[in-house]
Every structure is written in structure tokens, then in C-alpha cells.
Protein backbone atom coordinates (compact mmCIF):
# COMPACT_ATOMS: atom_id res chain seq x y z
CA UNK A 1 -0.09 0.06 0.04
CA UNK A 2 3.27 2.19 0.86
CA UNK A 3 4.48 1.63 -2.62
CA UNK A 4 1.32 2.63 -4.40
CA UNK A 5 1.02 5.88 -2.56
CA UNK A 6 4.60 6.84 -3.26
CA UNK A 7 3.94 6.21 -6.76
CA UNK A 8 0.60 8.47 -7.02
CA UNK A 9 2.79 11.49 -4.95
CA UNK A 10 5.73 11.07 -7.53
CA UNK A 11 3.56 10.98 -10.56
CA UNK A 12 3.26 14.80 -10.76
CA UNK A 13 6.90 15.09 -9.96
CA UNK A 14 7.60 12.97 -12.95
CA UNK A 15 5.36 14.87 -15.28
CA UNK A 16 6.85 18.40 -14.27
CA UNK A 17 10.57 16.67 -14.79
CA UNK A 18 9.87 16.11 -18.55
CA UNK A 19 9.56 19.82 -19.14
CA UNK A 20 12.24 22.54 -18.80
CA UNK A 21 11.42 25.97 -16.89
CA UNK A 22 11.46 27.65 -20.37
CA UNK A 23 8.84 24.96 -21.70
CA UNK A 24 6.38 25.61 -19.03
CA UNK A 25 6.86 29.48 -19.48
CA UNK A 26 6.22 29.09 -22.97
CA UNK A 27 2.73 26.90 -22.33
CA UNK A 28 1.63 29.18 -19.70
CA UNK A 29 2.00 32.30 -22.44
CA UNK A 30 0.41 30.21 -24.93
CA UNK A 31 -2.46 30.14 -22.82
CA UNK A 32 -2.50 33.65 -21.89
CA UNK A 33 -2.38 34.36 -25.83
CA UNK A 34 -5.17 32.09 -26.35
CA UNK A 35 -7.49 33.45 -23.77
CA UNK A 36 -7.18 37.08 -25.34
CA UNK A 37 -8.52 35.64 -29.18
CA UNK A 38 -11.70 37.59 -28.58
CA UNK A 39 -9.67 40.93 -27.75
CA UNK A 40 -7.35 41.16 -30.48
CA UNK A 41 -6.75 43.88 -32.99
CA UNK A 42 -6.54 41.21 -36.34
CA UNK A 43 -5.93 42.45 -39.79
CA UNK A 44 -6.00 39.94 -42.91
CA UNK A 45 -4.05 39.83 -45.92
CA UNK A 46 -3.84 37.81 -49.19
CA UNK A 47 -1.58 37.21 -51.78
CA UNK A 48 -0.50 35.19 -55.03
CA UNK A 49 2.81 34.34 -55.76
CA UNK A 50 5.03 31.95 -58.15
CA UNK A 51 7.42 29.78 -56.54
CA UNK A 52 9.34 27.87 -58.85
CA UNK A 53 6.96 28.21 -61.81
CA UNK A 54 4.03 27.43 -59.35
CA UNK A 55 1.34 29.46 -58.36
CA UNK A 56 -0.09 29.37 -54.84
CA UNK A 57 -2.53 31.59 -52.89
CA UNK A 58 -1.55 32.43 -49.25
CA UNK A 59 -3.87 34.72 -46.59
CA UNK A 60 -2.12 36.07 -43.50
CA UNK A 61 -3.87 37.42 -40.44
CA UNK A 62 -1.84 39.44 -37.81
CA UNK A 63 -3.20 39.99 -34.47
CA UNK A 64 -2.01 41.89 -31.57
CA UNK A 65 -3.35 41.47 -28.04
CA UNK A 66 -3.09 42.93 -24.84
CA UNK A 67 0.18 42.35 -22.41
CA UNK A 68 2.09 42.93 -25.66
CA UNK A 69 1.34 39.53 -27.03
CA UNK A 70 0.68 38.87 -30.74
CA UNK A 71 0.05 35.95 -33.34
CA UNK A 72 0.43 35.43 -36.95
CA UNK A 73 -1.48 33.00 -38.64
CA UNK A 74 -0.63 31.77 -42.08
CA UNK A 75 -2.38 29.52 -44.90
CA UNK A 76 0.01 28.64 -47.74
CA UNK A 77 -1.75 26.81 -50.83
CA UNK A 78 0.70 25.18 -52.96
CA UNK A 79 0.27 22.74 -55.75
CA UNK A 80 -0.89 19.42 -54.21
CA UNK A 81 0.26 21.09 -51.01
CA UNK A 82 -1.25 22.67 -48.00
CA UNK A 83 0.84 24.88 -44.98
CA UNK A 84 -0.86 26.44 -42.12
CA UNK A 85 1.21 27.90 -39.26
CA UNK A 86 1.01 29.95 -36.35
CA UNK A 87 3.79 32.11 -34.97
CA UNK A 88 3.44 33.64 -31.21
CA UNK A 89 5.39 36.91 -29.90
CA UNK A 90 5.72 38.23 -26.57
CA UNK A 91 7.16 41.87 -27.25
CA UNK A 92 7.54 40.99 -30.63
CA UNK A 93 9.80 37.98 -29.86
CA UNK A 94 9.06 34.76 -31.28
CA UNK A 95 8.41 32.68 -28.58
CA UNK A 96 6.51 29.50 -29.91
CA UNK A 97 5.55 28.06 -33.48
CA UNK A 98 2.98 25.26 -34.45
CA UNK A 99 2.93 24.47 -38.38
CA UNK A 100 1.20 21.77 -40.09
CA UNK A 101 2.11 20.06 -43.61
CA UNK A 102 -0.34 18.24 -45.29
CA UNK A 103 0.34 16.80 -48.70
CA UNK A 104 -3.26 14.97 -49.21
CA UNK A 105 -1.55 11.61 -48.00
CA UNK A 106 0.91 12.63 -45.21
CA UNK A 107 0.62 15.10 -42.46
CA UNK A 108 3.64 16.54 -40.57
CA UNK A 109 3.23 18.69 -37.20
CA UNK A 110 6.04 20.66 -35.85
CA UNK A 111 6.30 22.47 -32.71
CA UNK A 112 9.24 24.91 -31.69
CA UNK A 113 9.98 26.44 -28.57
CA UNK A 114 12.16 29.14 -28.54
CA UNK A 115 14.57 30.83 -25.89
CA UNK A 116 14.58 34.37 -25.14
CA UNK A 117 17.61 35.00 -27.14
CA UNK A 118 16.01 33.35 -30.40
CA UNK A 119 17.94 29.98 -29.87
CA UNK A 120 15.98 26.61 -30.11
CA UNK A 121 14.73 25.52 -26.98
CA UNK A 122 13.08 22.02 -28.10
CA UNK A 123 11.25 21.01 -31.47
CA UNK A 124 8.76 18.16 -31.46
CA UNK A 125 7.59 16.37 -34.86
CA UNK A 126 4.93 14.45 -35.41
CA UNK A 127 4.51 12.27 -38.54
CA UNK A 128 1.09 10.70 -37.20
CA UNK A 129 2.76 8.72 -34.78
CA UNK A 130 3.06 10.84 -32.02
CA UNK A 131 5.46 13.40 -31.03
CA UNK A 132 9.13 13.02 -31.37
CA UNK A 133 11.83 15.15 -30.00
CA UNK A 134 14.73 16.02 -32.46
CA UNK A 135 18.10 16.00 -31.17
CA UNK A 136 20.26 15.92 -34.08
CA UNK A 137 21.99 19.58 -34.74
CA UNK A 138 21.97 19.51 -38.39
CA UNK A 139 17.93 18.55 -38.22
CA UNK A 140 17.27 21.16 -36.07
CA UNK A 141 19.01 23.78 -37.91
CA UNK A 142 16.90 22.60 -41.35
CA UNK A 143 13.77 22.52 -39.58
CA UNK A 144 14.10 25.88 -38.05
CA UNK A 145 15.50 27.20 -41.60
CA UNK A 146 12.40 25.49 -43.32
CA UNK A 147 9.95 26.91 -40.80
CA UNK A 148 10.82 30.18 -40.18
CA UNK A 149 11.00 31.05 -44.16
CA UNK A 150 7.23 30.82 -44.40
CA UNK A 151 6.77 33.57 -41.52
CA UNK A 152 9.25 35.48 -43.49
CA UNK A 153 7.24 35.64 -46.42
CA UNK A 154 4.21 36.54 -44.45
CA UNK A 155 6.12 39.27 -42.50
CA UNK A 156 7.25 40.56 -45.83
CA UNK A 157 3.34 40.74 -47.32
CA UNK A 158 1.99 42.20 -44.15
CA UNK A 159 4.63 44.89 -44.31
CA UNK A 160 3.92 45.70 -47.91
CA UNK A 161 0.05 45.49 -47.83
CA UNK A 162 -0.40 47.27 -44.50
CA UNK A 163 1.46 50.16 -45.71
CA UNK A 164 -0.51 50.94 -48.67
CA UNK A 165 0.48 54.89 -48.91
CA UNK A 166 4.15 54.14 -48.96
CA UNK A 167 3.27 51.73 -52.13
CA UNK A 168 1.21 54.25 -53.69
CA UNK A 169 3.89 56.98 -52.99
CA UNK A 170 6.51 54.73 -54.59
CA UNK A 171 4.41 53.97 -57.50
CA UNK A 172 3.72 57.41 -58.39
CA UNK A 173 7.43 58.88 -57.92
CA UNK A 174 8.20 55.55 -60.53
CA UNK A 175 5.30 56.89 -62.87
CA UNK A 176 6.70 60.68 -62.64
CA UNK A 177 10.20 59.48 -63.41
CA UNK A 178 9.21 58.10 -66.59
CA UNK A 179 7.23 60.81 -67.23
CA UNK A 180 9.76 63.20 -67.16
CA UNK A 181 12.44 61.09 -68.92
CA UNK A 182 10.02 60.79 -72.04
CA UNK A 183 9.06 64.39 -71.83
CA UNK A 184 13.12 65.42 -71.79
CA UNK A 185 13.49 62.86 -74.65
CA UNK A 186 16.18 61.19 -72.16
CA UNK A 187 17.59 58.17 -73.96
CA UNK A 188 20.50 58.11 -71.28
CA UNK A 189 19.49 54.29 -70.89
CA UNK A 190 19.88 53.59 -74.80
CA UNK A 191 23.46 54.26 -74.25
CA UNK A 192 24.30 51.42 -71.85
CA UNK A 193 23.06 48.90 -74.20
CA UNK A 194 25.43 46.64 -75.80
CA UNK A 195 25.17 47.92 -79.12
CA UNK A 196 27.49 48.75 -82.06
CA UNK A 197 28.35 52.32 -82.88
CA UNK A 198 26.41 52.22 -86.48
CA UNK A 199 23.39 51.25 -84.59
CA UNK A 200 23.93 53.94 -82.10
CA UNK A 201 24.01 56.26 -84.96
CA UNK A 202 20.68 55.29 -86.33
CA UNK A 203 19.03 57.40 -83.35
CA UNK A 204 17.31 60.62 -84.60
CA UNK A 205 17.32 63.42 -82.05
CA UNK A 206 13.93 64.82 -83.46
CA UNK A 207 11.79 62.14 -82.58
CA UNK A 208 11.40 60.66 -79.29
CA UNK A 209 11.95 56.95 -80.56
CA UNK A 210 15.11 55.78 -82.01
CA UNK A 211 15.30 53.82 -85.62
CA UNK A 212 16.81 50.65 -84.29
CA UNK A 213 13.41 50.02 -82.49
CA UNK A 214 11.61 50.23 -86.42
CA UNK A 215 14.26 47.82 -87.72
CA UNK A 216 14.29 45.51 -84.42
CA UNK A 217 10.49 45.24 -85.01
CA UNK A 218 10.77 44.08 -88.44
CA UNK A 219 13.33 41.77 -87.85
CA UNK A 220 11.09 40.30 -84.66
CA UNK A 221 7.99 40.26 -86.93
CA UNK A 222 10.11 38.28 -89.31
CA UNK A 223 11.74 35.92 -86.69
CA UNK A 224 8.26 35.15 -84.97
CA UNK A 225 6.50 34.29 -88.57
CA UNK A 226 9.37 31.75 -89.34
CA UNK A 227 9.30 30.27 -85.96
CA UNK A 228 5.49 29.84 -85.73
CA UNK A 229 5.87 28.02 -89.18
CA UNK A 230 8.57 25.53 -88.01
CA UNK A 231 6.42 24.85 -84.78
CA UNK A 232 3.41 23.88 -87.09
CA UNK A 233 5.51 21.91 -89.28
CA UNK A 234 7.04 20.24 -85.98
CA UNK A 235 4.06 19.72 -84.82
CA UNK A 236 2.18 18.15 -87.87
CA UNK A 237 5.11 15.76 -88.08
CA UNK A 238 4.51 14.74 -84.46
CA UNK A 239 1.21 13.84 -85.18
CA UNK A 240 2.07 11.97 -88.13
CA UNK A 241 4.79 10.06 -86.30
CA UNK A 242 2.19 8.90 -83.71
CA UNK A 243 -0.46 8.19 -85.80
CA UNK A 244 2.18 6.02 -87.44
CA UNK A 245 3.16 4.34 -84.44
CA UNK A 246 -0.56 3.53 -83.53
CA UNK A 247 -1.00 2.07 -86.60
CA UNK A 248 2.12 -0.19 -86.53
CA UNK A 249 0.96 -1.18 -82.84
CA UNK A 250 -2.63 -1.81 -84.35
CA UNK A 251 -1.18 -4.23 -87.22
CA UNK A 252 1.38 -5.97 -84.75
CA UNK A 253 -1.67 -6.67 -82.11
CA UNK A 254 -3.82 -7.97 -85.10
CA UNK A 255 -1.00 -10.52 -85.94
CA UNK A 256 -0.28 -11.79 -82.61
CA UNK A 257 -4.54 -12.40 -82.30
CA UNK A 258 -4.11 -14.45 -85.80
CA UNK A 259 -1.36 -16.45 -84.43
CA UNK A 260 -3.25 -16.91 -81.32
CA UNK A 261 -6.36 -17.82 -82.75
CA UNK A 262 -4.61 -20.73 -84.98
CA UNK A 263 -2.48 -22.17 -81.84
CA UNK A 264 -5.39 -21.90 -79.35
CA UNK A 265 -8.62 -21.24 -80.90
CA UNK A 266 -8.55 -17.94 -78.86
CA UNK A 267 -8.44 -14.70 -80.62
CA UNK A 268 -6.45 -12.50 -78.07
CA UNK A 269 -3.24 -10.73 -77.49
CA UNK A 270 0.15 -12.08 -76.09
CA UNK A 271 -0.69 -10.38 -72.94
CA UNK A 272 -4.16 -11.74 -72.86
CA UNK A 273 -2.83 -15.18 -73.90
CA UNK A 274 -0.64 -15.25 -71.03
CA UNK A 275 -3.24 -14.21 -68.35
CA UNK A 276 -5.57 -16.99 -69.36
CA UNK A 277 -2.96 -19.59 -69.11
CA UNK A 278 -2.04 -18.04 -65.76
CA UNK A 279 -5.55 -18.49 -64.54
CA UNK A 280 -5.87 -21.96 -66.27
CA UNK A 281 -2.82 -23.21 -64.52
CA UNK A 282 -4.03 -21.58 -61.02
CA UNK A 283 -7.49 -23.53 -61.47
CA UNK A 284 -5.82 -26.91 -62.46
CA UNK A 285 -3.91 -27.02 -59.29
CA UNK A 286 -6.53 -26.05 -56.83
CA UNK A 287 -8.75 -28.47 -58.81
CA UNK A 288 -5.84 -31.35 -58.16
CA UNK A 289 -5.42 -30.17 -54.82
CA UNK A 290 -9.02 -29.96 -53.47
CA UNK A 291 -11.26 -31.48 -56.25
CA UNK A 292 -13.45 -30.20 -58.68
CA UNK A 293 -16.17 -28.23 -56.48
CA UNK A 294 -13.81 -26.71 -53.97
CA UNK A 295 -11.20 -26.00 -56.36
CA UNK A 296 -13.75 -23.87 -58.39
CA UNK A 297 -15.09 -22.17 -54.97
CA UNK A 298 -11.45 -21.07 -53.86
CA UNK A 299 -10.79 -20.12 -57.59
CA UNK A 300 -13.46 -17.53 -57.46
CA UNK A 301 -12.95 -16.33 -54.15
CA UNK A 302 -15.90 -17.88 -52.63
CA UNK A 303 -15.92 -18.62 -48.47
CA UNK A 304 -17.97 -21.26 -47.07
CA UNK A 305 -18.60 -23.24 -43.78
CA UNK A 306 -16.65 -26.47 -43.54
CA UNK A 307 -13.67 -25.44 -45.79
CA UNK A 308 -10.57 -26.04 -44.36
CA UNK A 309 -7.47 -23.40 -43.08
CA UNK A 310 -5.59 -24.47 -46.13
CA UNK A 311 -8.19 -24.09 -48.40
CA UNK A 312 -8.93 -20.25 -46.65
CA UNK A 313 -5.40 -19.59 -47.15
CA UNK A 314 -5.47 -20.78 -50.57
CA UNK A 315 -8.70 -18.74 -51.34
CA UNK A 316 -7.95 -15.26 -49.43
CA UNK A 317 -4.26 -15.66 -48.73
CA UNK A 318 -2.57 -14.72 -45.22
CA UNK A 319 -5.02 -12.66 -43.05
CA UNK A 320 -4.17 -8.82 -42.04
CA UNK A 321 -4.55 -9.79 -38.38
CA UNK A 322 -5.27 -12.92 -36.13
CA UNK A 323 -7.16 -13.60 -32.83
CA UNK A 324 -6.28 -16.82 -31.34
CA UNK A 325 -8.12 -18.22 -28.01
CA UNK A 326 -7.05 -21.83 -26.94
CA UNK A 327 -9.18 -24.00 -24.98
CA UNK A 328 -9.43 -27.48 -23.09
CA UNK A 329 -10.47 -29.52 -26.12
CA UNK A 330 -10.61 -26.98 -28.97
CA UNK A 331 -8.90 -23.36 -30.62
CA UNK A 332 -10.51 -20.89 -31.81
CA UNK A 333 -8.95 -18.15 -34.27
CA UNK A 334 -10.58 -15.37 -35.91
CA UNK A 335 -8.92 -14.23 -39.56
CA UNK A 336 -9.23 -10.79 -40.57
CA UNK A 337 -9.06 -9.71 -44.23
CA UNK A 338 -9.78 -6.96 -46.58
CA UNK A 339 -7.89 -4.30 -44.62
CA UNK A 340 -8.73 -0.38 -44.80
CA UNK A 341 -7.73 2.89 -42.81
CA UNK A 342 -10.79 4.76 -40.91
CA UNK A 343 -10.98 8.54 -40.63
CA UNK A 344 -8.89 8.11 -37.17
CA UNK A 345 -5.97 6.43 -39.71
CA UNK A 346 -6.76 3.12 -37.84
CA UNK A 347 -6.62 0.00 -39.57
CA UNK A 348 -9.76 -1.87 -39.73
CA UNK A 349 -11.12 -5.09 -41.74
CA UNK A 350 -14.12 -5.75 -44.06
CA UNK A 351 -14.25 -9.45 -43.57
CA UNK A 352 -13.95 -11.53 -40.28
CA UNK A 353 -13.37 -15.64 -40.68
CA UNK A 354 -14.17 -17.52 -37.64
CA UNK A 355 -12.50 -21.06 -37.19
CA UNK A 356 -12.83 -23.79 -34.77
CA UNK A 357 -9.55 -26.50 -35.06
CA UNK A 358 -8.44 -25.00 -38.20
CA UNK A 359 -11.88 -25.65 -39.69
CA UNK A 360 -14.26 -22.55 -40.83
CA UNK A 361 -17.41 -22.63 -38.75
CA UNK A 362 -18.49 -18.91 -39.69
CA UNK A 363 -17.98 -15.45 -41.59
CA UNK A 364 -18.94 -12.27 -41.18
CA UNK A 365 -18.64 -8.56 -43.31
CA UNK A 366 -17.59 -5.97 -40.84
């Protein structure tokens, strides 16, 4: 009894020892930040960028809370890939982030706890089988760089879009500069181009545009005209080659069918013949081993009460799971087939077969 009481008293100490003082402080700060959700001043921005030629849409939400807490939430949609992240700040210093990476068939959760000086206190990664602490220095650096680059993207867009007046002033200044250059007929940029002298001498002082632009326009038109004609000829040649290839394949298939019809009586391709012959060999093996009636049932994946364990394995193969109960006079087994994943990502089965002393006594669709 004393041992049980001692164990119960030590459990809180053991759970406390699993976390450092900084992690416990971050958990407290996180709960306090979440408690201010309805009191925050939030601004939302969205944008579209291109990454390696792939366009994606994104959204970032920046919220400021009492006691100098703030949070940036980021939703990033790439091609077949989705990232959602939350970055938590105290006095504009990042103390915790939680990111989820979803590729459609795999998910990854990343939690990073930061020290007050910005260094890493702790990293947890969950690939679907529970949180795992990352200890390798190289892996810690890689994860930190990968997760913080999405924050850099969000901060950049927030700074741009939440300061519209600055952007408008910059755009106006650029437009005014361009208008002034055109009005003054200033072609100083033309002198910086890597062109020969005789090209530079073609510029007229009394016109706002140089002569070389006219000649380059004619050259570009002729170039595009010939290039489009070459492309159309290439496409026509490719289409003709594909049609010829399909025609040759169809002729070869007809030859295969004619040959197989003479040899076997079946008009079929070589692939179909190989498949049929394999099925016939399998059927013959089953009928030789279990008899004509039982072999036919096993070949057609039919289960019946009274079949043996060997027949069941020949019919359905090895089960995905087995439950066995041993009694004094008999042994009961449950074989489970046709696995699938449910919404909780747990493995379930569609068929259960009950056996007693290696004889099927029942089966059920689950």
C-alpha cells in the first residue's frame, strides 16, 4: 500500500520533469495569448505568388493582444500541398510556433519552442505516430530554417500591404520619373545597351524613339513568323509519327491475335493469352489439390462453412490480423481480411472468418 501511495505522489513530479522551465513558461504564455482571442486587433491580407513556376494563393492574419502579445497565422496553398502555421510573439519576440504540413496523403506537425535570445529550446515533430523530440543539430537547423521561411514571407507581405500609402507614393514617383524622361527625350539608358556604334548612330534627335526600334520590330516580326511556321511543321510531323506508331501497334496486335487464334482457338493478344493461361494453371492446381467443386469455389474467392485452413489461405491468402483463443478441447481463431483505414487513420477490416480447430465455422462482413 505504501508503494502505491509513493508512486501516486511521484507522478506529478515525473510529469513536471519532462519539461524545462522555459517550456513550462511558454505553455503559460501560449494559454494567456489564446485567452485574448476575442480582444485582439486583427488584420488579414492575401496574395498570390509563384514558386519555381507554380502559382499559389496565401493568406496571413496578424493579431495584436493585450500585454504585448501578438500572433501571425498563415495559410499557404501550393500545388497538391497545404501549409498552415501559427507564430506567437511576446514583445515582438517569437517564443513558439506550430506548423502543419499536409500533402494529401501525409501530414506532419512541427512545434518549436524558442529561448528568450531566439535560440532553439525544443523541437517536436509528429508524423502521425506521436510527438518525437529532435536532437540532431543538423536536423534542428534544417527544420528551423524551413519553418521560419514561411514567417518571412508572411511578414514581407504584411509590411507591404499594411502600408499602402508608402506603396502608392513609390509607384507615383516611378511614374513621374518615367514621364519626365519621356518629356525630356532622355535616352541615356540607350547608351548602356551593348550595341555597335553604327546602331547608335541610327537614333534621330528630333524623334522620341530611335530608328533601331523600327528595324528590330521588323526583324522580330519575321523571326516570329518563321518560328511559328517551324513549330506548326514540327507539330504536324509529330502527329503524323504518333498516328504511324498507333497504326503499327494495331497491325502488330492483329498479327498476335491471328497467331493465337490458330494455336489456341482464342482470338487474343499475347498479354491476354499469358493471363488466361496463368488462370487456367491456377484453376488446375486448385482442382487437383482440393477437387473440382472446392477448387472452383476457391478459384472464385468463395468462402463456405466447413472449408479447411489450407483452403482458406489458398482462397484469401494470409490474413491481416489473427486473434486466437485456446480452450481445453478446441482452439478458436478469427482471421481478418480486406484492411482499410478509417477517419482516425486506424486499420480496420471488412471480413472476419471464424475457425475452430482449423475448420471454418462462420464468416461475417464487418
